[in-house]
Amino acid sequence: MSIAELACTYAALALADDGIAPTAEKISELIKAANIKVDSFWPALFAKLLEKKSVEDLISGVGAGGGGGAAPAAVSGGGAAAPAAEEKKEEKEEPKEESDDDMGFSLFD
């Protein structure tokens, strides 16, 4: 992330925290007050984004992630297929990992 992006992000967060609408002019004023030079399109770009979504919405949606895909389709024709699949899963045992003691050496010998 560039310095310009960070400056605009922090300016937008500061404005939202004070309850001020994050316009391009307000973001530019805060960046100038912090003595940071950014290209003129960055504050306008952030202001345009924040017209459509509020800062609070963007922050609360950070960990939400995208869609996980479609759920698997249910098997039709009887309910006995699902328990049979669960039994097969239970029958599988994972192979036991060998420990260093079984090999005749250990880290501290």
N, C-alpha and C. Protein backbone atom coordinates (compact mmCIF):
# COMPACT_ATOMS: atom_id res chain seq x y z
N MET A 1 0.86 -1.17 0.00
CA MET A 1 0.00 0.00 0.00
C MET A 1 0.90 1.23 0.00
N SER A 2 0.56 2.19 -0.82
CA SER A 2 1.37 3.40 -0.94
C SER A 2 1.07 4.37 0.20
N ILE A 3 1.95 5.35 0.32
CA ILE A 3 1.76 6.38 1.35
C ILE A 3 0.50 7.18 1.08
N ALA A 4 0.21 7.41 -0.19
CA ALA A 4 -1.00 8.17 -0.54
C ALA A 4 -2.25 7.42 -0.11
N GLU A 5 -2.27 6.12 -0.34
CA GLU A 5 -3.43 5.31 0.08
C GLU A 5 -3.58 5.32 1.59
N LEU A 6 -2.47 5.14 2.29
CA LEU A 6 -2.53 5.16 3.75
C LEU A 6 -3.00 6.51 4.28
N ALA A 7 -2.48 7.59 3.70
CA ALA A 7 -2.86 8.93 4.15
C ALA A 7 -4.36 9.15 3.96
N CYS A 8 -4.88 8.74 2.81
CA CYS A 8 -6.31 8.91 2.54
C CYS A 8 -7.14 8.02 3.46
N THR A 9 -6.65 6.82 3.71
CA THR A 9 -7.37 5.91 4.60
C THR A 9 -7.47 6.48 6.01
N TYR A 10 -6.32 6.95 6.53
CA TYR A 10 -6.33 7.51 7.89
C TYR A 10 -7.17 8.79 7.96
N ALA A 11 -7.11 9.60 6.92
CA ALA A 11 -7.92 10.82 6.90
C ALA A 11 -9.41 10.47 6.90
N ALA A 12 -9.79 9.49 6.10
CA ALA A 12 -11.20 9.07 6.06
C ALA A 12 -11.64 8.49 7.40
N LEU A 13 -10.76 7.71 8.03
CA LEU A 13 -11.09 7.17 9.36
C LEU A 13 -11.24 8.27 10.39
N ALA A 14 -10.36 9.26 10.36
CA ALA A 14 -10.44 10.37 11.31
C ALA A 14 -11.72 11.17 11.11
N LEU A 15 -12.06 11.42 9.86
CA LEU A 15 -13.30 12.15 9.58
C LEU A 15 -14.53 11.37 10.04
N ALA A 16 -14.55 10.08 9.75
CA ALA A 16 -15.69 9.26 10.16
C ALA A 16 -15.80 9.18 11.67
N ASP A 17 -14.65 9.15 12.35
CA ASP A 17 -14.66 9.09 13.80
C ASP A 17 -15.24 10.36 14.41
N ASP A 18 -15.03 11.48 13.74
CA ASP A 18 -15.59 12.75 14.22
C ASP A 18 -17.00 13.00 13.72
N GLY A 19 -17.53 12.08 12.90
CA GLY A 19 -18.89 12.24 12.38
C GLY A 19 -18.98 13.21 11.22
N ILE A 20 -17.87 13.48 10.55
CA ILE A 20 -17.85 14.40 9.41
C ILE A 20 -17.87 13.58 8.13
N ALA A 21 -18.66 14.00 7.18
CA ALA A 21 -18.74 13.29 5.90
C ALA A 21 -17.39 13.38 5.19
N PRO A 22 -16.82 12.25 4.78
CA PRO A 22 -15.50 12.26 4.16
C PRO A 22 -15.56 12.67 2.69
N THR A 23 -15.47 13.97 2.44
CA THR A 23 -15.45 14.48 1.06
C THR A 23 -14.00 14.60 0.61
N ALA A 24 -13.81 14.80 -0.68
CA ALA A 24 -12.46 14.94 -1.23
C ALA A 24 -11.75 16.16 -0.62
N GLU A 25 -12.50 17.24 -0.42
CA GLU A 25 -11.91 18.45 0.15
C GLU A 25 -11.44 18.23 1.58
N LYS A 26 -12.29 17.58 2.37
CA LYS A 26 -11.94 17.33 3.78
C LYS A 26 -10.75 16.38 3.89
N ILE A 27 -10.73 15.34 3.05
CA ILE A 27 -9.60 14.40 3.07
C ILE A 27 -8.32 15.13 2.67
N SER A 28 -8.40 15.99 1.65
CA SER A 28 -7.23 16.77 1.21
C SER A 28 -6.74 17.71 2.30
N GLU A 29 -7.66 18.34 3.01
CA GLU A 29 -7.28 19.24 4.09
C GLU A 29 -6.52 18.51 5.18
N LEU A 30 -7.00 17.35 5.56
CA LEU A 30 -6.31 16.58 6.61
C LEU A 30 -4.93 16.13 6.15
N ILE A 31 -4.82 15.72 4.91
CA ILE A 31 -3.54 15.26 4.38
C ILE A 31 -2.54 16.42 4.32
N LYS A 32 -3.02 17.60 3.90
CA LYS A 32 -2.14 18.78 3.86
C LYS A 32 -1.72 19.16 5.27
N ALA A 33 -2.63 19.06 6.24
CA ALA A 33 -2.31 19.39 7.62
C ALA A 33 -1.25 18.44 8.18
N ALA A 34 -1.22 17.22 7.67
CA ALA A 34 -0.22 16.24 8.11
C ALA A 34 1.09 16.39 7.33
N ASN A 35 1.14 17.36 6.40
CA ASN A 35 2.32 17.63 5.58
C ASN A 35 2.73 16.42 4.74
N ILE A 36 1.73 15.81 4.11
CA ILE A 36 1.95 14.66 3.22
C ILE A 36 1.51 15.09 1.83
N LYS A 37 2.35 14.79 0.85
CA LYS A 37 2.02 15.14 -0.53
C LYS A 37 1.49 13.89 -1.24
N VAL A 38 0.28 14.01 -1.79
CA VAL A 38 -0.33 12.92 -2.54
C VAL A 38 -0.84 13.47 -3.87
N ASP A 39 -0.99 12.59 -4.84
CA ASP A 39 -1.59 13.01 -6.11
C ASP A 39 -3.04 13.41 -5.87
N SER A 40 -3.52 14.35 -6.68
CA SER A 40 -4.84 14.93 -6.43
C SER A 40 -5.99 13.94 -6.63
N PHE A 41 -5.75 12.85 -7.34
CA PHE A 41 -6.86 11.91 -7.58
C PHE A 41 -7.15 11.01 -6.38
N TRP A 42 -6.19 10.84 -5.47
CA TRP A 42 -6.42 9.93 -4.34
C TRP A 42 -7.57 10.36 -3.44
N PRO A 43 -7.61 11.61 -2.95
CA PRO A 43 -8.74 12.00 -2.10
C PRO A 43 -10.08 11.89 -2.83
N ALA A 44 -10.11 12.24 -4.11
CA ALA A 44 -11.35 12.13 -4.87
C ALA A 44 -11.77 10.67 -5.02
N LEU A 45 -10.81 9.78 -5.21
CA LEU A 45 -11.11 8.36 -5.34
C LEU A 45 -11.71 7.80 -4.05
N PHE A 46 -11.10 8.16 -2.93
CA PHE A 46 -11.62 7.69 -1.64
C PHE A 46 -13.00 8.29 -1.34
N ALA A 47 -13.17 9.56 -1.66
CA ALA A 47 -14.47 10.19 -1.43
C ALA A 47 -15.56 9.53 -2.27
N LYS A 48 -15.22 9.18 -3.51
CA LYS A 48 -16.18 8.52 -4.39
C LYS A 48 -16.58 7.16 -3.82
N LEU A 49 -15.60 6.42 -3.30
CA LEU A 49 -15.89 5.13 -2.68
C LEU A 49 -16.79 5.30 -1.46
N LEU A 50 -16.49 6.31 -0.66
CA LEU A 50 -17.23 6.49 0.59
C LEU A 50 -18.60 7.12 0.38
N GLU A 51 -18.92 7.52 -0.85
CA GLU A 51 -20.29 7.94 -1.15
C GLU A 51 -21.22 6.73 -1.19
N LYS A 52 -20.66 5.61 -1.63
CA LYS A 52 -21.47 4.40 -1.81
C LYS A 52 -21.52 3.53 -0.55
N LYS A 53 -20.43 3.49 0.20
CA LYS A 53 -20.37 2.69 1.42
C LYS A 53 -19.79 3.54 2.52
N SER A 54 -20.34 3.39 3.70
CA SER A 54 -19.82 4.15 4.83
C SER A 54 -18.57 3.47 5.37
N VAL A 55 -17.78 4.24 6.11
CA VAL A 55 -16.56 3.71 6.71
C VAL A 55 -16.91 2.58 7.67
N GLU A 56 -17.99 2.73 8.41
CA GLU A 56 -18.40 1.70 9.36
C GLU A 56 -18.72 0.38 8.65
N ASP A 57 -19.38 0.48 7.49
CA ASP A 57 -19.69 -0.73 6.73
C ASP A 57 -18.42 -1.41 6.23
N LEU A 58 -17.47 -0.62 5.78
CA LEU A 58 -16.21 -1.19 5.29
C LEU A 58 -15.42 -1.85 6.41
N ILE A 59 -15.42 -1.23 7.57
CA ILE A 59 -14.68 -1.81 8.70
C ILE A 59 -15.34 -3.08 9.19
N SER A 60 -16.66 -3.07 9.31
CA SER A 60 -17.35 -4.25 9.83
C SER A 60 -17.34 -5.40 8.84
N GLY A 61 -17.11 -5.16 7.55
CA GLY A 61 -17.10 -6.21 6.56
C GLY A 61 -15.72 -6.76 6.26
N VAL A 62 -14.69 -6.35 7.02
CA VAL A 62 -13.33 -6.77 6.74
C VAL A 62 -13.17 -8.27 6.85
N GLY A 63 -13.65 -8.89 7.89
CA GLY A 63 -13.46 -10.32 8.09
C GLY A 63 -14.54 -11.18 7.48
N ALA A 64 -15.47 -10.58 6.79
CA ALA A 64 -16.59 -11.35 6.28
C ALA A 64 -16.20 -12.29 5.15
N GLY A 65 -15.31 -11.89 4.29
CA GLY A 65 -14.88 -12.75 3.18
C GLY A 65 -15.95 -12.87 2.12
N GLY A 66 -15.61 -13.60 1.09
CA GLY A 66 -16.53 -13.78 -0.02
C GLY A 66 -17.41 -14.99 0.19
N GLY A 67 -18.13 -15.32 -0.85
CA GLY A 67 -19.01 -16.48 -0.78
C GLY A 67 -18.20 -17.77 -0.75
N GLY A 68 -18.72 -18.78 -0.11
CA GLY A 68 -18.02 -20.03 0.03
C GLY A 68 -18.39 -21.05 -1.02
N GLY A 69 -19.21 -20.68 -1.95
CA GLY A 69 -19.62 -21.64 -2.96
C GLY A 69 -20.96 -22.25 -2.61
N ALA A 70 -21.43 -23.11 -3.48
CA ALA A 70 -22.74 -23.73 -3.28
C ALA A 70 -22.64 -24.90 -2.30
N ALA A 71 -23.71 -25.12 -1.60
CA ALA A 71 -23.78 -26.27 -0.69
C ALA A 71 -23.98 -27.53 -1.52
N PRO A 72 -23.49 -28.67 -1.03
CA PRO A 72 -23.69 -29.91 -1.79
C PRO A 72 -25.17 -30.26 -1.86
N ALA A 73 -25.55 -30.85 -2.97
CA ALA A 73 -26.95 -31.22 -3.18
C ALA A 73 -27.31 -32.43 -2.33
N ALA A 74 -28.54 -32.45 -1.86
CA ALA A 74 -29.01 -33.57 -1.05
C ALA A 74 -29.29 -34.77 -1.95
N VAL A 75 -29.05 -35.96 -1.42
CA VAL A 75 -29.31 -37.18 -2.17
C VAL A 75 -30.80 -37.46 -2.11
N SER A 76 -31.41 -37.68 -3.27
CA SER A 76 -32.84 -37.94 -3.27
C SER A 76 -33.09 -39.44 -3.31
N GLY A 77 -34.24 -39.83 -2.89
CA GLY A 77 -34.61 -41.24 -2.98
C GLY A 77 -34.49 -41.98 -1.67
N GLY A 78 -34.18 -41.35 -0.60
CA GLY A 78 -34.13 -42.05 0.68
C GLY A 78 -33.14 -41.38 1.61
N GLY A 79 -33.40 -41.49 2.87
CA GLY A 79 -32.55 -40.86 3.86
C GLY A 79 -31.46 -41.77 4.36
N ALA A 80 -31.35 -42.99 3.89
CA ALA A 80 -30.38 -43.93 4.41
C ALA A 80 -28.99 -43.67 3.86
N ALA A 81 -28.85 -42.90 2.80
CA ALA A 81 -27.54 -42.67 2.20
C ALA A 81 -26.66 -41.80 3.09
N ALA A 82 -27.22 -40.84 3.75
CA ALA A 82 -26.43 -39.95 4.58
C ALA A 82 -25.82 -40.67 5.78
N PRO A 83 -26.56 -41.48 6.54
CA PRO A 83 -25.91 -42.18 7.65
C PRO A 83 -24.84 -43.16 7.17
N ALA A 84 -25.02 -43.77 6.02
CA ALA A 84 -24.01 -44.69 5.52
C ALA A 84 -22.70 -43.95 5.23
N ALA A 85 -22.79 -42.75 4.73
CA ALA A 85 -21.59 -41.96 4.45
C ALA A 85 -20.88 -41.59 5.75
N GLU A 86 -21.65 -41.28 6.78
CA GLU A 86 -21.06 -40.95 8.07
C GLU A 86 -20.35 -42.15 8.67
N GLU A 87 -20.92 -43.35 8.50
CA GLU A 87 -20.28 -44.55 9.04
C GLU A 87 -18.95 -44.80 8.35
N LYS A 88 -18.88 -44.56 7.06
CA LYS A 88 -17.63 -44.77 6.34
C LYS A 88 -16.55 -43.81 6.85
N LYS A 89 -16.95 -42.61 7.17
CA LYS A 89 -15.98 -41.65 7.68
C LYS A 89 -15.44 -42.09 9.03
N GLU A 90 -16.32 -42.65 9.86
CA GLU A 90 -15.90 -43.08 11.18
C GLU A 90 -14.99 -44.30 11.12
N GLU A 91 -15.19 -45.17 10.12
CA GLU A 91 -14.41 -46.38 10.02
C GLU A 91 -12.96 -46.09 9.63
N LYS A 92 -12.74 -45.02 8.88
CA LYS A 92 -11.38 -44.70 8.47
C LYS A 92 -10.57 -44.24 9.67
N GLU A 93 -9.45 -44.88 9.89
CA GLU A 93 -8.57 -44.45 10.96
C GLU A 93 -7.31 -43.90 10.33
N GLU A 94 -6.87 -42.80 10.85
CA GLU A 94 -5.66 -42.21 10.31
C GLU A 94 -4.46 -43.00 10.83
N PRO A 95 -3.46 -43.20 9.98
CA PRO A 95 -2.28 -43.94 10.43
C PRO A 95 -1.58 -43.18 11.54
N LYS A 96 -1.10 -43.91 12.48
CA LYS A 96 -0.45 -43.31 13.64
C LYS A 96 0.96 -42.90 13.25
N GLU A 97 1.34 -41.70 13.60
CA GLU A 97 2.67 -41.22 13.27
C GLU A 97 3.70 -41.85 14.19
N GLU A 98 4.86 -42.12 13.63
CA GLU A 98 5.92 -42.70 14.43
C GLU A 98 6.58 -41.59 15.24
N SER A 99 6.95 -41.92 16.45
CA SER A 99 7.64 -40.94 17.27
C SER A 99 9.14 -41.20 17.20
N ASP A 100 9.92 -40.26 17.71
CA ASP A 100 11.37 -40.42 17.72
C ASP A 100 11.81 -41.57 18.61
N ASP A 101 11.03 -41.88 19.66
CA ASP A 101 11.37 -42.97 20.56
C ASP A 101 11.36 -44.31 19.82
N ASP A 102 10.47 -44.46 18.86
CA ASP A 102 10.38 -45.72 18.11
C ASP A 102 11.59 -45.92 17.20
N MET A 103 12.25 -44.86 16.80
CA MET A 103 13.38 -44.95 15.89
C MET A 103 14.71 -45.16 16.61
N GLY A 104 14.71 -45.07 17.90
CA GLY A 104 15.92 -45.32 18.66
C GLY A 104 16.77 -44.10 18.94
N PHE A 105 16.30 -42.93 18.62
CA PHE A 105 17.05 -41.71 18.96
C PHE A 105 16.07 -40.60 19.29
N SER A 106 16.55 -39.60 19.99
CA SER A 106 15.73 -38.46 20.31
C SER A 106 16.59 -37.20 20.21
N LEU A 107 16.00 -36.10 20.39
CA LEU A 107 16.68 -34.82 20.22
C LEU A 107 17.76 -34.62 21.27
N PHE A 108 17.58 -35.16 22.48
CA PHE A 108 18.48 -34.87 23.58
C PHE A 108 19.44 -36.00 23.89
N ASP A 109 19.56 -37.02 23.04
CA ASP A 109 20.51 -38.11 23.29
C ASP A 109 21.89 -37.76 22.83
